[in-house]
Amino acid sequence: MSDVTALQGSQSETTIAIDPSDSSRVFAASNDNSGRNRNGMTVSRSSDGGVTWTAAFLGDGSDAVPVSRGDPKAAYDVFGNLFLTYLTNEEPLSVVVLLSVDGGQNFKLLTKFTDLQDADQPSIAVGPGRDGEAGSVWLTWEVGEAPF
């Protein structure tokens, strides 16, 4: 067992991804429940297979990515690209997809889906492209309340 953030407070709705092109690279993200800030998420990265971790905050308004409301999900593709999706703190909610080519040290906005009423729980997956060589990225999210 490992505390990947070593930060005070708790985290929730976590995600973890292992780079298939280099299994020593591991990335984790979660909602930040520490009370530090209503915005942003906790992210941690490891370059030694999870033995040691470097923790930071992302999407808290101090960086170049949209402010996060939470629900992060991450996935590495076979080329070592890291994709991260989450809900923004905008009204109405948006779902964003970020890309990191350096194991989660830096992210850039890849795309943003806006004006999503009642969006929740975005999820991301990666896989082969149509030709079997290029890659594909799939994104889903829940809309509205469950009927039960």
N, C-alpha and C. Protein backbone atom coordinates (compact mmCIF):
# COMPACT_ATOMS: atom_id res chain seq x y z
N MET A 1 0.84 -1.16 0.00
CA MET A 1 0.00 0.00 0.00
C MET A 1 0.89 1.24 0.00
N SER A 2 0.43 2.29 -0.68
CA SER A 2 1.22 3.51 -0.79
C SER A 2 0.30 4.72 -0.78
N ASP A 3 0.72 5.77 -0.08
CA ASP A 3 0.02 7.05 -0.11
C ASP A 3 0.65 7.86 -1.24
N VAL A 4 -0.02 7.91 -2.37
CA VAL A 4 0.61 8.50 -3.56
C VAL A 4 0.71 10.01 -3.50
N THR A 5 -0.02 10.67 -2.58
CA THR A 5 0.08 12.13 -2.49
C THR A 5 0.88 12.59 -1.29
N ALA A 6 0.79 11.88 -0.18
CA ALA A 6 1.41 12.29 1.09
C ALA A 6 0.96 13.69 1.48
N LEU A 7 -0.22 14.10 1.04
CA LEU A 7 -0.78 15.40 1.39
C LEU A 7 -1.82 15.23 2.48
N GLN A 8 -2.01 16.27 3.29
CA GLN A 8 -3.02 16.22 4.34
C GLN A 8 -4.40 16.20 3.71
N GLY A 9 -5.35 15.63 4.43
CA GLY A 9 -6.71 15.56 3.94
C GLY A 9 -6.93 14.31 3.13
N SER A 10 -8.13 14.20 2.61
CA SER A 10 -8.46 12.99 1.87
C SER A 10 -8.70 13.32 0.40
N GLN A 11 -8.66 12.28 -0.40
CA GLN A 11 -8.95 12.38 -1.81
C GLN A 11 -10.05 11.37 -2.12
N SER A 12 -10.78 11.60 -3.22
CA SER A 12 -11.86 10.69 -3.60
C SER A 12 -11.93 10.60 -5.12
N GLU A 13 -12.71 9.63 -5.58
CA GLU A 13 -12.93 9.40 -7.01
C GLU A 13 -11.60 9.34 -7.75
N THR A 14 -10.77 8.44 -7.32
CA THR A 14 -9.41 8.34 -7.84
C THR A 14 -9.34 7.60 -9.17
N THR A 15 -8.26 7.84 -9.88
CA THR A 15 -7.95 7.13 -11.11
C THR A 15 -6.45 6.87 -11.11
N ILE A 16 -6.05 5.77 -11.70
CA ILE A 16 -4.63 5.45 -11.82
C ILE A 16 -4.39 4.85 -13.19
N ALA A 17 -3.25 5.20 -13.79
CA ALA A 17 -2.91 4.69 -15.13
C ALA A 17 -1.44 4.33 -15.16
N ILE A 18 -1.13 3.23 -15.84
CA ILE A 18 0.25 2.76 -16.02
C ILE A 18 0.58 2.84 -17.50
N ASP A 19 1.73 3.41 -17.81
CA ASP A 19 2.16 3.60 -19.19
C ASP A 19 2.59 2.25 -19.78
N PRO A 20 1.87 1.74 -20.79
CA PRO A 20 2.25 0.45 -21.37
C PRO A 20 3.57 0.50 -22.15
N SER A 21 4.01 1.69 -22.52
CA SER A 21 5.29 1.80 -23.23
C SER A 21 6.47 1.86 -22.25
N ASP A 22 6.18 2.10 -20.97
CA ASP A 22 7.21 2.17 -19.92
C ASP A 22 6.51 1.98 -18.59
N SER A 23 6.42 0.75 -18.12
CA SER A 23 5.63 0.44 -16.93
C SER A 23 6.18 1.07 -15.65
N SER A 24 7.33 1.71 -15.71
CA SER A 24 7.81 2.43 -14.52
C SER A 24 7.10 3.77 -14.36
N ARG A 25 6.38 4.24 -15.42
CA ARG A 25 5.64 5.50 -15.33
C ARG A 25 4.20 5.22 -14.92
N VAL A 26 3.82 5.79 -13.77
CA VAL A 26 2.48 5.61 -13.23
C VAL A 26 1.92 6.99 -12.90
N PHE A 27 0.63 7.19 -13.15
CA PHE A 27 -0.02 8.47 -12.89
C PHE A 27 -1.30 8.23 -12.11
N ALA A 28 -1.56 9.09 -11.14
CA ALA A 28 -2.80 9.01 -10.35
C ALA A 28 -3.39 10.40 -10.22
N ALA A 29 -4.71 10.48 -10.15
CA ALA A 29 -5.40 11.75 -9.94
C ALA A 29 -6.64 11.50 -9.10
N SER A 30 -7.09 12.52 -8.38
CA SER A 30 -8.27 12.38 -7.54
C SER A 30 -8.86 13.75 -7.23
N ASN A 31 -10.11 13.74 -6.78
CA ASN A 31 -10.70 14.95 -6.23
C ASN A 31 -9.91 15.30 -4.97
N ASP A 32 -9.76 16.58 -4.72
CA ASP A 32 -9.07 17.04 -3.51
C ASP A 32 -10.12 17.41 -2.47
N ASN A 33 -10.20 16.63 -1.40
CA ASN A 33 -11.18 16.87 -0.34
C ASN A 33 -10.56 17.48 0.90
N SER A 34 -9.40 18.09 0.75
CA SER A 34 -8.67 18.62 1.90
C SER A 34 -9.27 19.91 2.45
N GLY A 35 -10.16 20.54 1.69
CA GLY A 35 -10.70 21.83 2.09
C GLY A 35 -9.80 22.98 1.68
N ARG A 36 -8.66 22.65 1.07
CA ARG A 36 -7.70 23.66 0.62
C ARG A 36 -8.32 24.58 -0.40
N ASN A 37 -9.13 24.02 -1.28
CA ASN A 37 -9.65 24.79 -2.39
C ASN A 37 -10.83 24.02 -2.97
N ARG A 38 -11.87 24.69 -3.36
CA ARG A 38 -13.00 23.99 -3.99
C ARG A 38 -12.66 23.57 -5.41
N ASN A 39 -11.63 24.16 -5.95
CA ASN A 39 -11.26 23.88 -7.33
C ASN A 39 -10.00 23.01 -7.37
N GLY A 40 -9.85 22.29 -8.46
CA GLY A 40 -8.63 21.54 -8.69
C GLY A 40 -8.70 20.10 -8.24
N MET A 41 -7.67 19.39 -8.60
CA MET A 41 -7.55 17.98 -8.24
C MET A 41 -6.12 17.70 -7.84
N THR A 42 -5.96 16.61 -7.13
CA THR A 42 -4.64 16.15 -6.73
C THR A 42 -4.13 15.21 -7.82
N VAL A 43 -2.90 15.43 -8.26
CA VAL A 43 -2.27 14.51 -9.22
C VAL A 43 -0.93 14.07 -8.66
N SER A 44 -0.56 12.84 -8.97
CA SER A 44 0.73 12.29 -8.54
C SER A 44 1.31 11.49 -9.68
N ARG A 45 2.61 11.54 -9.82
CA ARG A 45 3.27 10.75 -10.86
C ARG A 45 4.48 10.05 -10.27
N SER A 46 4.77 8.90 -10.85
CA SER A 46 5.92 8.11 -10.42
C SER A 46 6.69 7.68 -11.66
N SER A 47 7.99 7.69 -11.56
CA SER A 47 8.82 7.20 -12.66
C SER A 47 9.60 5.96 -12.27
N ASP A 48 9.25 5.38 -11.09
CA ASP A 48 9.93 4.17 -10.64
C ASP A 48 8.93 3.08 -10.25
N GLY A 49 7.85 3.01 -10.99
CA GLY A 49 6.87 1.95 -10.77
C GLY A 49 6.05 2.10 -9.51
N GLY A 50 5.98 3.30 -8.96
CA GLY A 50 5.16 3.55 -7.78
C GLY A 50 5.91 3.50 -6.47
N VAL A 51 7.23 3.35 -6.51
CA VAL A 51 8.01 3.33 -5.27
C VAL A 51 8.00 4.72 -4.64
N THR A 52 8.24 5.75 -5.45
CA THR A 52 8.18 7.13 -4.97
C THR A 52 7.23 7.92 -5.87
N TRP A 53 6.65 8.98 -5.30
CA TRP A 53 5.65 9.77 -6.00
C TRP A 53 5.95 11.25 -5.86
N THR A 54 5.58 12.03 -6.88
CA THR A 54 5.62 13.48 -6.85
C THR A 54 4.20 13.98 -6.98
N ALA A 55 3.71 14.69 -5.95
CA ALA A 55 2.32 15.15 -5.93
C ALA A 55 2.24 16.63 -6.27
N ALA A 56 1.11 17.02 -6.85
CA ALA A 56 0.86 18.41 -7.20
C ALA A 56 -0.65 18.62 -7.30
N PHE A 57 -1.05 19.86 -7.52
CA PHE A 57 -2.44 20.18 -7.80
C PHE A 57 -2.53 20.58 -9.26
N LEU A 58 -3.66 20.27 -9.89
CA LEU A 58 -3.87 20.57 -11.29
C LEU A 58 -5.28 21.12 -11.46
N GLY A 59 -5.44 22.08 -12.34
CA GLY A 59 -6.77 22.62 -12.61
C GLY A 59 -7.34 23.42 -11.45
N ASP A 60 -6.45 24.07 -10.68
CA ASP A 60 -6.91 24.84 -9.52
C ASP A 60 -6.94 26.34 -9.79
N GLY A 61 -6.76 26.73 -11.04
CA GLY A 61 -6.77 28.13 -11.40
C GLY A 61 -5.39 28.76 -11.48
N SER A 62 -4.37 28.02 -11.06
CA SER A 62 -3.01 28.56 -11.09
C SER A 62 -2.21 28.05 -12.28
N ASP A 63 -2.84 27.27 -13.14
CA ASP A 63 -2.14 26.71 -14.29
C ASP A 63 -2.91 27.01 -15.57
N ALA A 64 -2.46 26.48 -16.68
CA ALA A 64 -3.02 26.82 -17.99
C ALA A 64 -4.13 25.89 -18.45
N VAL A 65 -4.69 25.07 -17.56
CA VAL A 65 -5.77 24.16 -17.95
C VAL A 65 -7.06 24.62 -17.29
N PRO A 66 -8.22 24.22 -17.84
CA PRO A 66 -9.49 24.63 -17.24
C PRO A 66 -9.60 24.19 -15.77
N VAL A 67 -10.28 25.01 -14.98
CA VAL A 67 -10.46 24.72 -13.55
C VAL A 67 -11.30 23.47 -13.39
N SER A 68 -10.85 22.57 -12.52
CA SER A 68 -11.49 21.28 -12.33
C SER A 68 -12.52 21.31 -11.22
N ARG A 69 -13.64 20.65 -11.48
CA ARG A 69 -14.64 20.39 -10.45
C ARG A 69 -14.48 18.98 -9.91
N GLY A 70 -13.79 18.14 -10.68
CA GLY A 70 -13.53 16.78 -10.19
C GLY A 70 -13.85 15.70 -11.19
N ASP A 71 -13.97 14.49 -10.68
CA ASP A 71 -14.25 13.29 -11.45
C ASP A 71 -13.16 12.96 -12.48
N PRO A 72 -11.88 13.00 -12.10
CA PRO A 72 -10.83 12.72 -13.08
C PRO A 72 -10.77 11.24 -13.47
N LYS A 73 -10.40 11.01 -14.71
CA LYS A 73 -10.11 9.67 -15.21
C LYS A 73 -8.92 9.79 -16.15
N ALA A 74 -7.99 8.84 -16.08
CA ALA A 74 -6.77 8.90 -16.87
C ALA A 74 -6.53 7.59 -17.61
N ALA A 75 -5.85 7.69 -18.75
CA ALA A 75 -5.46 6.51 -19.53
C ALA A 75 -4.23 6.83 -20.36
N TYR A 76 -3.28 5.90 -20.39
CA TYR A 76 -2.12 5.98 -21.27
C TYR A 76 -2.41 5.19 -22.54
N ASP A 77 -1.97 5.68 -23.69
CA ASP A 77 -2.03 4.87 -24.90
C ASP A 77 -0.71 4.12 -25.08
N VAL A 78 -0.62 3.29 -26.10
CA VAL A 78 0.58 2.46 -26.30
C VAL A 78 1.80 3.27 -26.71
N PHE A 79 1.60 4.53 -27.06
CA PHE A 79 2.71 5.40 -27.45
C PHE A 79 3.26 6.20 -26.27
N GLY A 80 2.66 6.05 -25.08
CA GLY A 80 3.11 6.77 -23.89
C GLY A 80 2.43 8.11 -23.69
N ASN A 81 1.40 8.40 -24.49
CA ASN A 81 0.62 9.63 -24.30
C ASN A 81 -0.37 9.41 -23.16
N LEU A 82 -0.46 10.39 -22.27
CA LEU A 82 -1.37 10.32 -21.13
C LEU A 82 -2.55 11.23 -21.38
N PHE A 83 -3.76 10.68 -21.32
CA PHE A 83 -4.99 11.45 -21.50
C PHE A 83 -5.69 11.54 -20.16
N LEU A 84 -6.17 12.74 -19.83
CA LEU A 84 -6.87 12.97 -18.57
C LEU A 84 -8.14 13.74 -18.86
N THR A 85 -9.27 13.24 -18.35
CA THR A 85 -10.54 13.92 -18.51
C THR A 85 -11.11 14.25 -17.14
N TYR A 86 -11.91 15.32 -17.08
CA TYR A 86 -12.57 15.70 -15.83
C TYR A 86 -13.67 16.72 -16.13
N LEU A 87 -14.49 17.01 -15.11
CA LEU A 87 -15.50 18.03 -15.21
C LEU A 87 -14.90 19.38 -14.86
N THR A 88 -15.32 20.41 -15.56
CA THR A 88 -14.87 21.76 -15.22
C THR A 88 -15.76 22.34 -14.13
N ASN A 89 -15.35 23.45 -13.60
CA ASN A 89 -16.12 24.12 -12.55
C ASN A 89 -16.98 25.24 -13.14
N GLU A 90 -17.30 25.13 -14.41
CA GLU A 90 -18.13 26.12 -15.09
C GLU A 90 -19.60 25.73 -14.97
N GLU A 91 -20.49 26.70 -15.14
CA GLU A 91 -21.92 26.41 -15.23
C GLU A 91 -22.40 26.87 -16.59
N PRO A 92 -23.03 26.07 -17.42
CA PRO A 92 -23.17 24.64 -17.18
C PRO A 92 -21.83 23.92 -17.31
N LEU A 93 -21.78 22.73 -16.79
CA LEU A 93 -20.55 21.95 -16.75
C LEU A 93 -20.01 21.66 -18.14
N SER A 94 -18.71 21.52 -18.21
CA SER A 94 -18.04 21.07 -19.43
C SER A 94 -17.17 19.87 -19.08
N VAL A 95 -16.86 19.08 -20.07
CA VAL A 95 -15.93 17.96 -19.93
C VAL A 95 -14.71 18.29 -20.78
N VAL A 96 -13.53 18.18 -20.19
CA VAL A 96 -12.30 18.47 -20.93
C VAL A 96 -11.46 17.21 -21.05
N VAL A 97 -10.60 17.22 -22.06
CA VAL A 97 -9.60 16.18 -22.23
C VAL A 97 -8.25 16.88 -22.33
N LEU A 98 -7.32 16.50 -21.46
CA LEU A 98 -5.96 17.02 -21.48
C LEU A 98 -5.04 15.96 -22.03
N LEU A 99 -3.89 16.38 -22.53
CA LEU A 99 -2.87 15.48 -23.05
C LEU A 99 -1.53 15.82 -22.41
N SER A 100 -0.82 14.79 -21.97
CA SER A 100 0.55 14.94 -21.49
C SER A 100 1.43 13.96 -22.25
N VAL A 101 2.53 14.45 -22.76
CA VAL A 101 3.48 13.59 -23.47
C VAL A 101 4.72 13.32 -22.62
N ASP A 102 4.70 13.79 -21.35
CA ASP A 102 5.85 13.60 -20.46
C ASP A 102 5.47 12.97 -19.13
N GLY A 103 4.52 12.04 -19.17
CA GLY A 103 4.18 11.28 -17.97
C GLY A 103 3.41 12.05 -16.92
N GLY A 104 2.76 13.14 -17.29
CA GLY A 104 1.95 13.89 -16.35
C GLY A 104 2.66 15.08 -15.73
N GLN A 105 3.85 15.40 -16.20
CA GLN A 105 4.53 16.60 -15.69
C GLN A 105 3.89 17.86 -16.22
N ASN A 106 3.46 17.84 -17.48
CA ASN A 106 2.83 18.99 -18.12
C ASN A 106 1.62 18.51 -18.91
N PHE A 107 0.59 19.33 -18.93
CA PHE A 107 -0.63 19.01 -19.67
C PHE A 107 -1.01 20.18 -20.57
N LYS A 108 -1.65 19.84 -21.69
CA LYS A 108 -2.24 20.87 -22.54
C LYS A 108 -3.67 20.44 -22.85
N LEU A 109 -4.52 21.43 -23.08
CA LEU A 109 -5.92 21.16 -23.40
C LEU A 109 -6.00 20.56 -24.80
N LEU A 110 -6.61 19.40 -24.90
CA LEU A 110 -6.80 18.74 -26.19
C LEU A 110 -8.15 19.11 -26.78
N THR A 111 -9.21 19.01 -25.96
CA THR A 111 -10.55 19.38 -26.41
C THR A 111 -11.44 19.66 -25.21
N LYS A 112 -12.53 20.36 -25.47
CA LYS A 112 -13.47 20.72 -24.41
C LYS A 112 -14.89 20.61 -24.97
N PHE A 113 -15.74 19.85 -24.28
CA PHE A 113 -17.14 19.69 -24.64
C PHE A 113 -17.95 20.59 -23.71
N THR A 114 -18.65 21.58 -24.27
CA THR A 114 -19.26 22.63 -23.46
C THR A 114 -20.78 22.50 -23.39
N ASP A 115 -21.37 23.27 -22.47
CA ASP A 115 -22.81 23.36 -22.29
C ASP A 115 -23.47 21.99 -22.08
N LEU A 116 -22.91 21.22 -21.18
CA LEU A 116 -23.44 19.89 -20.90
C LEU A 116 -24.25 19.94 -19.60
N GLN A 117 -25.56 20.03 -19.74
CA GLN A 117 -26.42 20.04 -18.57
C GLN A 117 -26.32 18.70 -17.84
N ASP A 118 -26.11 18.73 -16.56
CA ASP A 118 -26.12 17.54 -15.70
C ASP A 118 -25.06 16.51 -16.08
N ALA A 119 -23.96 16.92 -16.69
CA ALA A 119 -22.89 15.97 -17.02
C ALA A 119 -22.24 15.48 -15.73
N ASP A 120 -21.83 14.23 -15.72
CA ASP A 120 -21.19 13.65 -14.55
C ASP A 120 -20.37 12.43 -14.98
N GLN A 121 -19.40 12.10 -14.18
CA GLN A 121 -18.59 10.88 -14.32
C GLN A 121 -18.01 10.66 -15.72
N PRO A 122 -17.22 11.60 -16.24
CA PRO A 122 -16.59 11.34 -17.53
C PRO A 122 -15.63 10.15 -17.42
N SER A 123 -15.48 9.44 -18.50
CA SER A 123 -14.59 8.29 -18.54
C SER A 123 -13.84 8.30 -19.86
N ILE A 124 -12.62 7.78 -19.85
CA ILE A 124 -11.79 7.81 -21.04
C ILE A 124 -11.14 6.44 -21.26
N ALA A 125 -11.00 6.06 -22.51
CA ALA A 125 -10.36 4.80 -22.87
C ALA A 125 -9.55 5.01 -24.14
N VAL A 126 -8.54 4.21 -24.32
CA VAL A 126 -7.68 4.29 -25.51
C VAL A 126 -7.58 2.92 -26.16
N GLY A 127 -7.20 2.91 -27.43
CA GLY A 127 -7.05 1.65 -28.13
C GLY A 127 -6.53 1.89 -29.54
N PRO A 128 -6.51 0.84 -30.34
CA PRO A 128 -5.98 0.97 -31.70
C PRO A 128 -6.92 1.77 -32.59
N GLY A 129 -6.35 2.35 -33.63
CA GLY A 129 -7.14 3.06 -34.62
C GLY A 129 -7.68 2.11 -35.67
N ARG A 130 -8.34 2.65 -36.66
CA ARG A 130 -8.95 1.82 -37.70
C ARG A 130 -7.94 0.98 -38.46
N ASP A 131 -6.75 1.51 -38.66
CA ASP A 131 -5.75 0.77 -39.41
C ASP A 131 -4.92 -0.17 -38.54
N GLY A 132 -5.20 -0.19 -37.25
CA GLY A 132 -4.48 -1.06 -36.34
C GLY A 132 -3.14 -0.52 -35.90
N GLU A 133 -2.73 0.61 -36.44
CA GLU A 133 -1.44 1.19 -36.07
C GLU A 133 -1.59 2.51 -35.32
N ALA A 134 -2.43 3.39 -35.82
CA ALA A 134 -2.67 4.65 -35.13
C ALA A 134 -3.52 4.39 -33.89
N GLY A 135 -3.71 5.39 -33.06
CA GLY A 135 -4.48 5.21 -31.85
C GLY A 135 -5.82 5.90 -31.90
N SER A 136 -6.70 5.49 -30.99
CA SER A 136 -8.01 6.10 -30.83
C SER A 136 -8.22 6.41 -29.36
N VAL A 137 -8.99 7.44 -29.11
CA VAL A 137 -9.36 7.82 -27.75
C VAL A 137 -10.88 7.91 -27.71
N TRP A 138 -11.50 7.26 -26.70
CA TRP A 138 -12.95 7.29 -26.54
C TRP A 138 -13.28 7.98 -25.24
N LEU A 139 -14.35 8.78 -25.26
CA LEU A 139 -14.77 9.53 -24.09
C LEU A 139 -16.27 9.34 -23.89
N THR A 140 -16.68 9.10 -22.65
CA THR A 140 -18.11 9.02 -22.32
C THR A 140 -18.36 9.84 -21.07
N TRP A 141 -19.62 10.22 -20.87
CA TRP A 141 -20.04 10.84 -19.62
C TRP A 141 -21.51 10.58 -19.43
N GLU A 142 -21.92 10.64 -18.19
CA GLU A 142 -23.31 10.45 -17.81
C GLU A 142 -24.03 11.78 -17.95
N VAL A 143 -25.30 11.73 -18.38
CA VAL A 143 -26.11 12.94 -18.48
C VAL A 143 -27.43 12.70 -17.75
N GLY A 144 -27.79 13.61 -16.88
CA GLY A 144 -29.07 13.51 -16.18
C GLY A 144 -29.02 12.54 -15.02
N GLU A 145 -30.16 12.42 -14.36
CA GLU A 145 -30.26 11.55 -13.19
C GLU A 145 -30.72 10.17 -13.59
N ALA A 146 -30.29 9.17 -12.83
CA ALA A 146 -30.74 7.80 -13.05
C ALA A 146 -32.25 7.70 -12.76
N PRO A 147 -32.97 6.85 -13.48
CA PRO A 147 -34.43 6.77 -13.31
C PRO A 147 -34.86 6.00 -12.06
N PHE A 148 -33.96 5.64 -11.18
CA PHE A 148 -34.35 4.90 -9.98
C PHE A 148 -34.12 5.67 -8.73
